[in-house]
Amino acid sequence: MEVVVSGWKGREPMTDLFLNILSQGSNGWEQIWDLTRPRLEEYKQKFESEWNPISDFVLSRLSQLAKTEWITDEIRVHFADCLNGGFAWHDSIAFATLPDIEVQKKFLAHELSELITPSQLVSEELGRAELDQGITHTVVDMIAYFSVKDFIAKSAYPSIERKGVVPNKNYYPKVEELYPIFADYSENPSKYDDFASLVKKIVLRLKSS
């Protein structure tokens, strides 16, 4: 092992850093955490000051648009430096920190939408219609966007696009086709008896495009 490690030394600065961590055992990771924790704690406090006043409204709006009740009393949210993106699982969310707090709001709304949007229903109906099941992710992001958009501050520079807020057509398929449906739906969700009715309209729109 020592022969292999010595052969890696000096290749890249990051390689040397991790070799140093490995040589110190758990103490190396503790040093990283000592450096990372204060910054994450500071970011957490800053984000909570923006998110806490709107949290109940966003959660209620997500439930309304997904036409699904929350089945958990508490959702644990974790900021993680080692993630490139985020994930949601049952009652937990972990995601990376972003420089723009307004984009972070949408990021959290998206992960919350992953927890409550009936994705399986969407995916099954898309598959039955022989459409791209990846559009399910577009539906999830649309629900997130129309749940939080009224709580996202306008950019100080309107001419510069704030990427990560409005569903990105370069990342999510069929955004332009579905946006009008969700814009109308967000104004009056009661027009649809259930989420399946919305999905049927989505499928019809996609089949005709």
Protein backbone atom coordinates (compact mmCIF):
# COMPACT_ATOMS: atom_id res chain seq x y z
CA MET A 1 0.00 0.00 0.00
CA GLU A 2 2.76 2.44 0.90
CA VAL A 3 4.42 1.79 -2.48
CA VAL A 4 1.15 2.56 -4.33
CA VAL A 5 0.49 5.70 -2.31
CA SER A 6 4.01 6.99 -2.84
CA GLY A 7 3.50 6.53 -6.58
CA TRP A 8 0.42 8.80 -6.48
CA LYS A 9 2.07 11.64 -4.58
CA GLY A 10 2.80 14.79 -6.52
CA ARG A 11 0.40 14.05 -9.38
CA GLU A 12 -2.28 16.62 -8.50
CA PRO A 13 -2.80 19.00 -5.54
CA MET A 14 -6.17 17.39 -4.74
CA THR A 15 -4.59 13.93 -4.84
CA ASP A 16 -2.02 15.04 -2.27
CA LEU A 17 -4.79 16.53 -0.12
CA PHE A 18 -6.77 13.31 0.02
CA LEU A 19 -3.67 11.21 0.57
CA ASN A 20 -2.92 13.43 3.53
CA ILE A 21 -6.46 12.93 4.83
CA LEU A 22 -6.18 9.17 4.45
CA SER A 23 -2.91 9.14 6.33
CA GLN A 24 -4.55 10.92 9.26
CA GLY A 25 -7.61 8.69 9.40
CA SER A 26 -10.72 10.31 10.85
CA ASN A 27 -8.75 13.34 12.01
CA GLY A 28 -8.40 14.47 8.38
CA TRP A 29 -12.16 14.55 7.85
CA GLU A 30 -12.59 16.43 11.11
CA GLN A 31 -10.26 19.13 9.80
CA ILE A 32 -12.38 19.49 6.66
CA TRP A 33 -15.56 19.67 8.76
CA ASP A 34 -14.00 22.29 11.02
CA LEU A 35 -13.42 24.46 7.93
CA THR A 36 -16.76 23.72 6.27
CA ARG A 37 -19.19 23.83 9.18
CA PRO A 38 -19.00 27.58 9.97
CA ARG A 39 -19.69 28.48 6.34
CA LEU A 40 -22.63 26.07 6.10
CA GLU A 41 -24.05 27.32 9.40
CA GLU A 42 -23.80 30.92 8.18
CA TYR A 43 -25.50 30.03 4.90
CA LYS A 44 -28.20 28.08 6.73
CA GLN A 45 -29.07 31.07 8.91
CA LYS A 46 -29.20 33.36 5.89
CA PHE A 47 -31.42 30.99 3.93
CA GLU A 48 -33.75 30.29 6.87
CA SER A 49 -34.34 34.03 7.30
CA GLU A 50 -35.69 34.06 3.73
CA TRP A 51 -37.41 30.67 3.69
CA ASN A 52 -39.12 30.42 7.07
CA PRO A 53 -41.64 33.25 6.43
CA ILE A 54 -42.81 31.59 3.19
CA SER A 55 -42.42 27.92 4.08
CA ASP A 56 -46.05 27.21 5.03
CA PHE A 57 -47.34 29.00 1.94
CA VAL A 58 -45.07 27.06 -0.41
CA LEU A 59 -45.87 23.71 1.22
CA SER A 60 -49.59 24.46 1.01
CA ARG A 61 -49.28 25.52 -2.62
CA LEU A 62 -47.35 22.36 -3.49
CA SER A 63 -50.06 20.25 -1.91
CA GLN A 64 -52.75 22.19 -3.75
CA LEU A 65 -51.10 21.86 -7.17
CA ALA A 66 -50.10 18.22 -6.68
CA LYS A 67 -53.60 17.53 -5.32
CA THR A 68 -51.95 15.41 -2.65
CA GLU A 69 -51.80 15.77 1.12
CA TRP A 70 -48.49 15.80 2.94
CA ILE A 71 -48.10 12.54 4.86
CA THR A 72 -45.22 13.62 7.08
CA ASP A 73 -45.19 16.18 9.88
CA GLU A 74 -41.57 17.12 9.37
CA ILE A 75 -39.14 17.22 6.46
CA ARG A 76 -35.47 17.34 7.34
CA VAL A 77 -33.38 19.56 5.06
CA HIS A 78 -29.60 19.25 4.91
CA PHE A 79 -27.08 21.49 3.17
CA ALA A 80 -24.18 19.45 1.79
CA ASP A 81 -20.94 20.69 0.30
CA CYS A 82 -20.18 17.39 -1.39
CA LEU A 83 -23.27 17.31 -3.63
CA ASN A 84 -23.57 18.60 -7.17
CA GLY A 85 -27.34 19.04 -7.07
CA GLY A 86 -29.72 17.50 -4.57
CA PHE A 87 -32.01 14.61 -3.75
CA ALA A 88 -35.22 13.97 -1.85
CA TRP A 89 -36.12 10.75 -0.06
CA HIS A 90 -39.27 10.17 2.02
CA ASP A 91 -38.92 12.84 4.72
CA SER A 92 -35.41 14.10 3.97
CA ILE A 93 -33.79 16.46 1.49
CA ALA A 94 -30.10 17.12 0.91
CA PHE A 95 -28.84 19.71 -1.54
CA ALA A 96 -25.89 21.89 -2.41
CA THR A 97 -25.66 25.56 -1.51
CA LEU A 98 -26.05 28.10 -4.30
CA PRO A 99 -24.73 31.69 -4.35
CA ASP A 100 -28.17 33.11 -5.21
CA ILE A 101 -30.66 32.66 -2.36
CA GLU A 102 -33.59 33.21 -4.73
CA VAL A 103 -32.47 30.30 -6.91
CA GLN A 104 -31.97 28.26 -3.72
CA LYS A 105 -35.65 28.81 -2.90
CA LYS A 106 -36.64 27.28 -6.23
CA PHE A 107 -34.09 24.48 -5.68
CA LEU A 108 -35.71 23.55 -2.36
CA ALA A 109 -39.20 23.84 -3.88
CA HIS A 110 -38.12 21.40 -6.59
CA GLU A 111 -36.90 18.83 -4.07
CA LEU A 112 -40.13 19.25 -2.09
CA SER A 113 -42.06 18.73 -5.31
CA GLU A 114 -40.15 15.49 -5.81
CA LEU A 115 -41.66 14.30 -2.52
CA ILE A 116 -45.29 15.18 -3.21
CA THR A 117 -45.92 15.24 -6.97
CA PRO A 118 -47.51 11.94 -8.15
CA SER A 119 -44.55 11.17 -10.40
CA GLN A 120 -45.41 7.51 -10.88
CA LEU A 121 -48.83 8.43 -12.24
CA VAL A 122 -47.25 10.89 -14.68
CA SER A 123 -44.59 8.42 -15.80
CA GLU A 124 -47.11 5.62 -16.33
CA GLU A 125 -49.44 7.79 -18.41
CA LEU A 126 -46.56 9.07 -20.53
CA GLY A 127 -45.36 5.52 -21.09
CA ARG A 128 -48.86 4.35 -21.98
CA ALA A 129 -49.04 7.12 -24.59
CA GLU A 130 -45.56 6.18 -25.88
CA LEU A 131 -44.17 9.57 -24.88
CA ASP A 132 -40.84 10.40 -23.27
CA GLN A 133 -41.14 9.47 -19.59
CA GLY A 134 -38.39 11.99 -18.87
CA ILE A 135 -41.12 14.62 -19.16
CA THR A 136 -42.08 13.54 -15.64
CA HIS A 137 -39.17 15.67 -14.40
CA THR A 138 -40.59 18.65 -16.28
CA VAL A 139 -43.93 18.19 -14.51
CA VAL A 140 -42.19 18.04 -11.13
CA ASP A 141 -40.28 21.24 -11.87
CA MET A 142 -43.38 23.04 -13.14
CA ILE A 143 -45.23 22.23 -9.92
CA ALA A 144 -42.24 23.56 -7.98
CA TYR A 145 -41.96 26.75 -10.01
CA PHE A 146 -45.62 27.73 -9.76
CA SER A 147 -45.56 26.99 -6.03
CA VAL A 148 -42.70 29.36 -5.24
CA LYS A 149 -42.49 31.92 -8.05
CA ASP A 150 -44.51 34.58 -6.19
CA PHE A 151 -41.97 34.48 -3.35
CA ILE A 152 -38.87 34.91 -5.49
CA ALA A 153 -37.53 38.45 -5.58
CA LYS A 154 -37.02 40.07 -8.96
CA SER A 155 -33.45 40.32 -10.13
CA ALA A 156 -31.73 43.68 -9.65
CA TYR A 157 -30.60 43.29 -13.26
CA PRO A 158 -33.70 42.41 -15.33
CA SER A 159 -31.66 42.09 -18.50
CA ILE A 160 -29.68 39.19 -17.00
CA GLU A 161 -31.53 35.88 -16.88
CA ARG A 162 -31.59 34.26 -13.46
CA LYS A 163 -30.97 30.65 -14.43
CA GLY A 164 -32.42 27.95 -12.24
CA VAL A 165 -35.75 29.60 -11.45
CA VAL A 166 -37.94 29.25 -14.54
CA PRO A 167 -37.99 25.65 -15.85
CA ASN A 168 -35.07 25.36 -18.25
CA LYS A 169 -36.04 24.13 -21.73
CA ASN A 170 -32.46 23.02 -22.30
CA TYR A 171 -32.65 20.68 -19.33
CA TYR A 172 -36.31 19.68 -19.02
CA PRO A 173 -38.07 18.34 -22.14
CA LYS A 174 -41.21 19.99 -23.56
CA VAL A 175 -41.10 23.06 -21.30
CA GLU A 176 -42.45 25.41 -23.97
CA GLU A 177 -45.38 23.12 -24.76
CA LEU A 178 -46.34 22.55 -21.13
CA TYR A 179 -45.73 25.99 -19.64
CA PRO A 180 -49.11 27.46 -20.77
CA ILE A 181 -50.96 24.48 -19.29
CA PHE A 182 -49.32 24.93 -15.89
CA ALA A 183 -49.69 28.71 -15.97
CA ASP A 184 -53.43 28.26 -16.47
CA TYR A 185 -53.61 25.41 -13.95
CA SER A 186 -51.84 27.45 -11.27
CA GLU A 187 -54.49 30.17 -11.59
CA ASN A 188 -57.37 27.78 -11.00
CA PRO A 189 -56.45 24.23 -9.88
CA SER A 190 -60.08 23.56 -8.96
CA LYS A 191 -60.92 23.24 -12.66
CA TYR A 192 -59.45 19.75 -12.44
CA ASP A 193 -61.08 17.10 -10.29
CA ASP A 194 -57.80 15.34 -9.62
CA PHE A 195 -54.18 15.24 -10.75
CA ALA A 196 -54.96 12.52 -13.28
CA SER A 197 -57.20 14.99 -15.13
CA LEU A 198 -54.26 17.38 -15.47
CA VAL A 199 -52.02 14.57 -16.67
CA LYS A 200 -54.55 13.63 -19.35
CA LYS A 201 -54.49 17.20 -20.64
CA ILE A 202 -50.70 17.13 -20.67
CA VAL A 203 -50.69 13.90 -22.67
CA LEU A 204 -53.22 15.25 -25.18
CA ARG A 205 -51.15 18.41 -25.64
CA LEU A 206 -47.97 16.44 -26.21
CA LYS A 207 -49.64 14.01 -28.61
CA SER A 208 -50.92 16.89 -30.73
CA SER A 209 -47.61 18.79 -30.81
